[in-house]
Amino acid sequence: MKKTPGSLTLKFSGICTHFRNGVVPGVPHRVVLPDATRLQTGLITVQEPDGSTPPPVMYYLTPHFPSIKVVSHEVDLAVPGLISKKGHILSGVRLQVINAVDGDMVEEDDDFPGLTAFVPGYSYSSDVVLNGRAACYFDVFSGTLKTHPPLVPSGPRRVVITVKTDGPPELLVTPLISLGEQGKSYRRLLGTDESPDVTLKVRNVEEVLEGYFIAEDHGDFDFLLHYLTARGGIPQIIKEKTPGMPPGELQSVTKERMVQVLNEMASLLNDVGATAVTSGFGYAGRRLRPIEDDDLNASCADSHYP
């Protein structure tokens, strides 16, 4: 019996890094969600046009958490130990559309920032990009990529990939690290014969307390999290400002702001437990919510290599 043609529209937001053109052997397009689940601080300097480097400034990066969500209807995405019922990714997974129709990977535009624009000497970490040291891989073998304007003027451009499927889309979930049964994968049907066209949000964003006030400087440096995919990690010198960085001379985070950030993290520890925040992937406490798409600033743009 012939199946009803379907489609899966993948909407990416947050720190999702696209590796294209065969960077990953046998995979034309891999989207890496790096493990960004820990509070980080660092020093960064932006080179002057003459190549000189001004004194570095200190920045902070708050935790980002990976998740997937079907937009149009409720789907139980639960995979024990890997994905919660609501789509929080709890441990590293590889995702594929198991019933994608054979075809080419087509990029209709390339209008989102590349990693080498800011670090010309960027080279990827094999551990992170190839060998499972990440929060999630989404491997796409055929489909069409487009970028879309920001939802708000200060927001990021959005990357959307549409994959044609043989019947309602079906997701294959494979652990990046074996949890006991070697090579075991899980299938999750995302649509029905009556509703074979499905939109799936793939996000790697902050989760915050309900009622949380988003500070004016929040997320200015988040684009640097893409460089968790780099050999050597986040660089200390970049060629030019990354998306979302404020205009003018960069300023170090103040002691007062850093104290505020640490207090916010302490609130998370009190509300959801230290183990959830410090030792694993996304937590799903009742008082937490993901940052909404229209609250994301330009630093939460996808990136790509090459």
Protein backbone atom coordinates (compact mmCIF):
# COMPACT_ATOMS: atom_id res chain seq x y z
CA MET A 1 0.00 0.00 0.00
CA LYS A 2 1.38 3.36 -1.02
CA LYS A 3 2.10 5.71 1.88
CA THR A 4 0.87 9.29 2.05
CA PRO A 5 3.78 11.66 1.30
CA GLY A 6 4.80 13.66 4.34
CA SER A 7 7.35 16.25 5.42
CA LEU A 8 9.30 17.31 8.48
CA THR A 9 10.14 20.99 8.88
CA LEU A 10 13.06 21.44 11.28
CA LYS A 11 13.21 24.85 12.94
CA PHE A 12 16.54 25.45 14.67
CA SER A 13 17.17 28.06 17.35
CA GLY A 14 19.91 28.75 19.85
CA ILE A 15 23.40 27.27 19.68
CA CYS A 16 23.05 24.87 16.74
CA THR A 17 26.19 24.50 14.59
CA HIS A 18 25.84 23.19 11.02
CA PHE A 19 28.66 21.08 9.55
CA ARG A 20 28.18 20.74 5.80
CA ASN A 21 29.60 19.44 2.55
CA GLY A 22 30.92 16.15 3.87
CA VAL A 23 32.78 17.40 6.95
CA VAL A 24 31.27 14.32 8.61
CA PRO A 25 32.02 11.24 6.46
CA GLY A 26 28.80 9.86 4.98
CA VAL A 27 26.64 12.69 6.37
CA PRO A 28 26.03 15.64 4.04
CA HIS A 29 24.69 17.88 6.82
CA ARG A 30 25.19 17.42 10.56
CA VAL A 31 23.78 19.90 13.07
CA VAL A 32 25.75 19.77 16.33
CA LEU A 33 24.19 21.02 19.56
CA PRO A 34 27.31 21.35 21.72
CA ASP A 35 27.09 20.59 25.43
CA ALA A 36 26.66 24.12 26.83
CA THR A 37 24.97 23.13 30.08
CA ARG A 38 27.41 24.81 32.45
CA LEU A 39 27.97 28.39 33.55
CA GLN A 40 31.17 29.64 31.94
CA THR A 41 33.33 32.71 32.16
CA GLY A 42 36.28 33.75 30.05
CA LEU A 43 38.36 36.52 28.51
CA ILE A 44 37.94 37.79 24.96
CA THR A 45 39.53 40.47 22.81
CA VAL A 46 38.59 41.69 19.33
CA GLN A 47 41.51 42.46 17.02
CA GLU A 48 41.95 45.96 15.70
CA PRO A 49 42.09 46.42 11.89
CA ASP A 50 45.89 46.68 12.12
CA GLY A 51 46.05 43.29 13.84
CA SER A 52 46.81 44.63 17.31
CA THR A 53 44.88 43.30 20.28
CA PRO A 54 43.43 45.56 22.97
CA PRO A 55 43.25 44.36 26.58
CA PRO A 56 40.76 41.47 26.98
CA VAL A 57 37.38 41.81 28.66
CA MET A 58 35.70 39.28 30.92
CA TYR A 59 32.36 37.77 29.89
CA TYR A 60 29.95 35.16 31.20
CA LEU A 61 27.88 32.50 29.40
CA THR A 62 24.85 31.00 31.12
CA PRO A 63 23.82 27.34 30.57
CA HIS A 64 21.95 26.35 27.43
CA PHE A 65 19.86 23.17 27.22
CA PRO A 66 18.93 21.03 24.19
CA SER A 67 15.35 20.02 23.43
CA ILE A 68 13.01 18.99 20.62
CA LYS A 69 9.29 19.71 20.36
CA VAL A 70 6.56 18.95 17.83
CA VAL A 71 4.74 22.23 17.26
CA SER A 72 1.26 21.33 16.02
CA HIS A 73 0.21 18.51 18.34
CA GLU A 74 1.23 16.53 21.41
CA VAL A 75 3.73 13.72 20.84
CA ASP A 76 5.23 11.57 23.56
CA LEU A 77 8.93 11.86 22.70
CA ALA A 78 10.12 9.97 25.77
CA VAL A 79 13.09 7.64 25.40
CA PRO A 80 14.19 6.35 28.83
CA GLY A 81 17.44 7.98 29.90
CA LEU A 82 17.72 10.00 26.69
CA ILE A 83 14.69 12.23 26.06
CA SER A 84 11.90 13.27 28.42
CA LYS A 85 8.21 13.10 27.51
CA LYS A 86 8.26 16.82 26.71
CA GLY A 87 11.39 16.62 24.60
CA HIS A 88 14.20 17.65 26.96
CA ILE A 89 17.38 15.89 25.84
CA LEU A 90 18.77 14.25 28.96
CA SER A 91 21.86 12.56 27.51
CA GLY A 92 23.68 12.78 24.19
CA VAL A 93 21.67 11.53 21.20
CA ARG A 94 21.94 11.24 17.44
CA LEU A 95 18.70 12.07 15.61
CA GLN A 96 17.82 11.12 12.02
CA VAL A 97 14.68 11.13 9.90
CA ILE A 98 14.48 7.41 9.25
CA ASN A 99 11.95 7.65 6.40
CA ALA A 100 13.39 10.64 4.55
CA VAL A 101 12.95 10.43 0.79
CA ASP A 102 16.25 10.03 -1.04
CA GLY A 103 17.51 13.21 -2.65
CA ASP A 104 20.09 15.97 -2.43
CA MET A 105 20.85 18.35 0.38
CA VAL A 106 20.00 21.78 -1.08
CA GLU A 107 20.89 25.14 0.49
CA GLU A 108 18.76 27.86 -1.05
CA ASP A 109 20.79 30.52 0.73
CA ASP A 110 23.73 30.84 3.08
CA ASP A 111 22.61 33.87 5.04
CA PHE A 112 23.74 32.95 8.53
CA PRO A 113 27.10 33.55 10.19
CA GLY A 114 30.03 31.19 9.65
CA LEU A 115 32.59 30.24 12.27
CA THR A 116 35.63 31.26 10.21
CA ALA A 117 34.32 34.82 9.82
CA PHE A 118 35.37 35.48 13.43
CA VAL A 119 38.16 32.91 13.84
CA PRO A 120 39.82 32.43 10.41
CA GLY A 121 41.97 29.59 11.75
CA TYR A 122 39.02 27.64 13.18
CA SER A 123 39.35 23.87 13.10
CA TYR A 124 36.79 21.56 14.60
CA SER A 125 37.26 19.13 17.45
CA SER A 126 36.92 15.55 16.20
CA ASP A 127 35.74 14.52 19.67
CA VAL A 128 32.86 17.00 19.58
CA VAL A 129 31.86 16.93 15.90
CA LEU A 130 32.53 13.30 15.00
CA ASN A 131 32.88 11.17 18.11
CA GLY A 132 29.89 11.92 20.32
CA ARG A 133 31.14 14.51 22.79
CA ALA A 134 28.06 16.70 22.29
CA ALA A 135 24.51 17.12 23.53
CA CYS A 136 22.92 16.18 20.21
CA TYR A 137 23.63 15.44 16.57
CA PHE A 138 20.84 15.94 14.03
CA ASP A 139 21.99 14.25 10.82
CA VAL A 140 20.20 15.32 7.63
CA PHE A 141 20.75 13.37 4.42
CA SER A 142 18.33 15.17 2.11
CA GLY A 143 16.24 18.31 2.30
CA THR A 144 16.15 22.04 1.64
CA LEU A 145 17.73 24.66 3.90
CA LYS A 146 16.49 28.23 4.03
CA THR A 147 17.14 31.10 6.40
CA HIS A 148 14.44 33.50 7.57
CA PRO A 149 14.53 37.05 8.95
CA PRO A 150 14.62 37.59 12.73
CA LEU A 151 11.30 37.57 14.57
CA VAL A 152 12.32 40.88 16.16
CA PRO A 153 14.90 43.42 14.87
CA SER A 154 17.49 42.45 17.49
CA GLY A 155 16.95 38.70 17.08
CA PRO A 156 18.88 36.04 15.17
CA ARG A 157 18.25 34.85 11.65
CA ARG A 158 16.49 31.49 11.74
CA VAL A 159 17.54 28.31 9.95
CA VAL A 160 14.83 25.97 8.65
CA ILE A 161 15.38 22.62 6.91
CA THR A 162 12.47 20.84 5.23
CA VAL A 163 12.75 17.09 4.66
CA LYS A 164 10.33 15.11 2.49
CA THR A 165 9.28 11.79 4.01
CA ASP A 166 7.67 8.53 2.89
CA GLY A 167 4.60 8.74 5.10
CA PRO A 168 4.40 10.66 8.39
CA PRO A 169 7.90 11.62 9.62
CA GLU A 170 9.61 9.10 11.85
CA LEU A 171 12.56 9.98 14.08
CA LEU A 172 15.39 7.58 14.84
CA VAL A 173 17.02 8.20 18.23
CA THR A 174 20.41 6.64 18.98
CA PRO A 175 22.47 7.27 22.14
CA LEU A 176 25.88 8.82 21.52
CA ILE A 177 27.19 6.80 24.44
CA SER A 178 25.93 3.26 24.94
CA LEU A 179 23.72 2.89 28.01
CA GLY A 180 23.83 -0.89 28.06
CA GLU A 181 22.34 -2.33 24.88
CA GLN A 182 25.04 -1.85 22.29
CA GLY A 183 23.82 -0.07 19.19
CA LYS A 184 20.17 0.08 20.30
CA SER A 185 18.06 2.77 18.61
CA TYR A 186 14.51 3.95 19.16
CA ARG A 187 11.84 5.10 16.70
CA ARG A 188 9.32 7.84 17.40
CA LEU A 189 6.47 8.53 14.96
CA LEU A 190 5.90 12.28 14.79
CA GLY A 191 2.76 12.47 12.63
CA THR A 192 -0.22 10.47 11.34
CA ASP A 193 -1.66 9.59 7.95
CA GLU A 194 -4.19 12.38 8.55
CA SER A 195 -1.44 14.84 9.56
CA PRO A 196 1.74 13.80 7.70
CA ASP A 197 3.33 17.26 7.62
CA VAL A 198 5.06 18.02 10.92
CA THR A 199 7.13 20.91 12.30
CA LEU A 200 9.79 20.05 14.88
CA LYS A 201 11.58 22.71 16.91
CA VAL A 202 15.21 21.85 17.66
CA ARG A 203 16.53 24.20 20.32
CA ASN A 204 19.67 24.75 22.39
CA VAL A 205 18.69 27.69 24.58
CA GLU A 206 18.60 28.88 28.15
CA GLU A 207 15.95 27.72 30.59
CA VAL A 208 15.04 30.28 33.22
CA LEU A 209 12.90 30.65 36.31
CA GLU A 210 9.31 31.75 35.78
CA GLY A 211 9.15 35.50 36.32
CA TYR A 212 12.83 35.82 35.46
CA PHE A 213 13.89 39.31 34.36
CA ILE A 214 16.10 39.18 31.27
CA ALA A 215 18.87 41.71 31.85
CA GLU A 216 19.85 44.14 29.12
CA ASP A 217 23.30 42.55 28.69
CA HIS A 218 21.99 39.00 28.83
CA GLY A 219 23.35 36.79 26.07
CA ASP A 220 25.65 39.37 24.45
CA PHE A 221 28.44 36.79 24.12
CA ASP A 222 26.39 33.60 23.63
CA PHE A 223 27.54 33.12 20.02
CA LEU A 224 30.93 32.12 21.49
CA LEU A 225 29.30 28.86 22.62
CA HIS A 226 29.52 27.66 19.01
CA TYR A 227 33.28 27.46 19.56
CA LEU A 228 32.75 24.63 22.01
CA THR A 229 32.99 22.66 18.76
CA ALA A 230 36.52 23.99 18.13
CA ARG A 231 39.80 22.27 18.79
CA GLY A 232 40.95 24.05 21.92
CA GLY A 233 37.50 25.38 22.78
CA ILE A 234 36.36 29.01 22.91
CA PRO A 235 39.14 31.31 21.61
CA GLN A 236 40.47 34.34 23.49
CA ILE A 237 41.09 36.43 20.35
CA ILE A 238 38.56 36.96 17.56
CA LYS A 239 38.85 38.87 14.28
CA GLU A 240 35.62 40.85 14.69
CA LYS A 241 32.63 41.02 17.01
CA THR A 242 30.31 38.06 16.97
CA PRO A 243 26.54 38.55 16.48
CA GLY A 244 24.87 40.12 19.50
CA MET A 245 27.92 41.85 20.92
CA PRO A 246 27.11 45.47 21.80
CA PRO A 247 28.38 48.37 19.67
CA GLY A 248 31.35 50.39 20.78
CA GLU A 249 34.15 49.29 23.07
CA LEU A 250 33.48 46.02 24.87
CA GLN A 251 33.25 46.22 28.64
CA SER A 252 34.09 43.56 31.20
CA VAL A 253 31.21 42.15 33.18
CA THR A 254 30.99 44.02 36.47
CA LYS A 255 31.43 42.34 39.83
CA GLU A 256 27.87 43.32 40.69
CA ARG A 257 26.48 41.70 37.54
CA MET A 258 28.54 38.56 38.11
CA VAL A 259 27.18 38.31 41.66
CA GLN A 260 23.65 38.64 40.26
CA VAL A 261 24.28 35.85 37.74
CA LEU A 262 25.71 33.58 40.44
CA ASN A 263 22.70 34.28 42.65
CA GLU A 264 20.41 33.32 39.77
CA MET A 265 22.30 30.05 39.41
CA ALA A 266 22.00 29.50 43.16
CA SER A 267 18.23 29.89 42.80
CA LEU A 268 18.25 27.16 40.17
CA LEU A 269 20.28 24.93 42.47
CA ASN A 270 17.79 25.47 45.27
CA ASP A 271 14.74 24.89 43.08
CA VAL A 272 15.79 21.96 40.91
CA GLY A 273 18.72 20.37 42.72
CA ALA A 274 22.47 20.63 42.32
CA THR A 275 22.82 17.34 40.45
CA ALA A 276 20.48 18.44 37.66
CA VAL A 277 22.43 21.61 36.94
CA THR A 278 26.01 20.53 37.45
CA SER A 279 26.25 16.96 36.21
CA GLY A 280 24.07 16.43 33.18
CA PHE A 281 21.93 17.72 30.36
CA GLY A 282 18.71 19.72 30.55
CA TYR A 283 16.68 19.89 33.68
CA ALA A 284 12.89 20.15 33.59
CA GLY A 285 11.87 21.74 36.88
CA ARG A 286 8.29 22.93 37.19
CA ARG A 287 9.26 26.58 37.62
CA LEU A 288 11.58 26.65 34.63
CA ARG A 289 10.80 27.61 31.06
CA PRO A 290 12.88 27.83 27.90
CA ILE A 291 13.65 31.34 26.63
CA GLU A 292 11.05 32.14 23.96
CA ASP A 293 12.15 32.63 20.36
CA ASP A 294 11.24 36.32 20.41
CA ASP A 295 13.44 36.82 23.51
CA LEU A 296 16.56 35.50 21.76
CA ASN A 297 19.05 38.12 20.67
CA ALA A 298 21.34 38.02 17.63
CA SER A 299 23.98 36.02 19.54
CA CYS A 300 21.69 32.98 19.45
CA ALA A 301 22.04 32.63 15.68
CA ASP A 302 22.93 29.27 14.16
CA SER A 303 26.42 29.03 12.70
CA HIS A 304 28.09 26.85 10.09
CA TYR A 305 31.34 25.32 8.86
CA PRO A 306 32.66 25.46 6.25
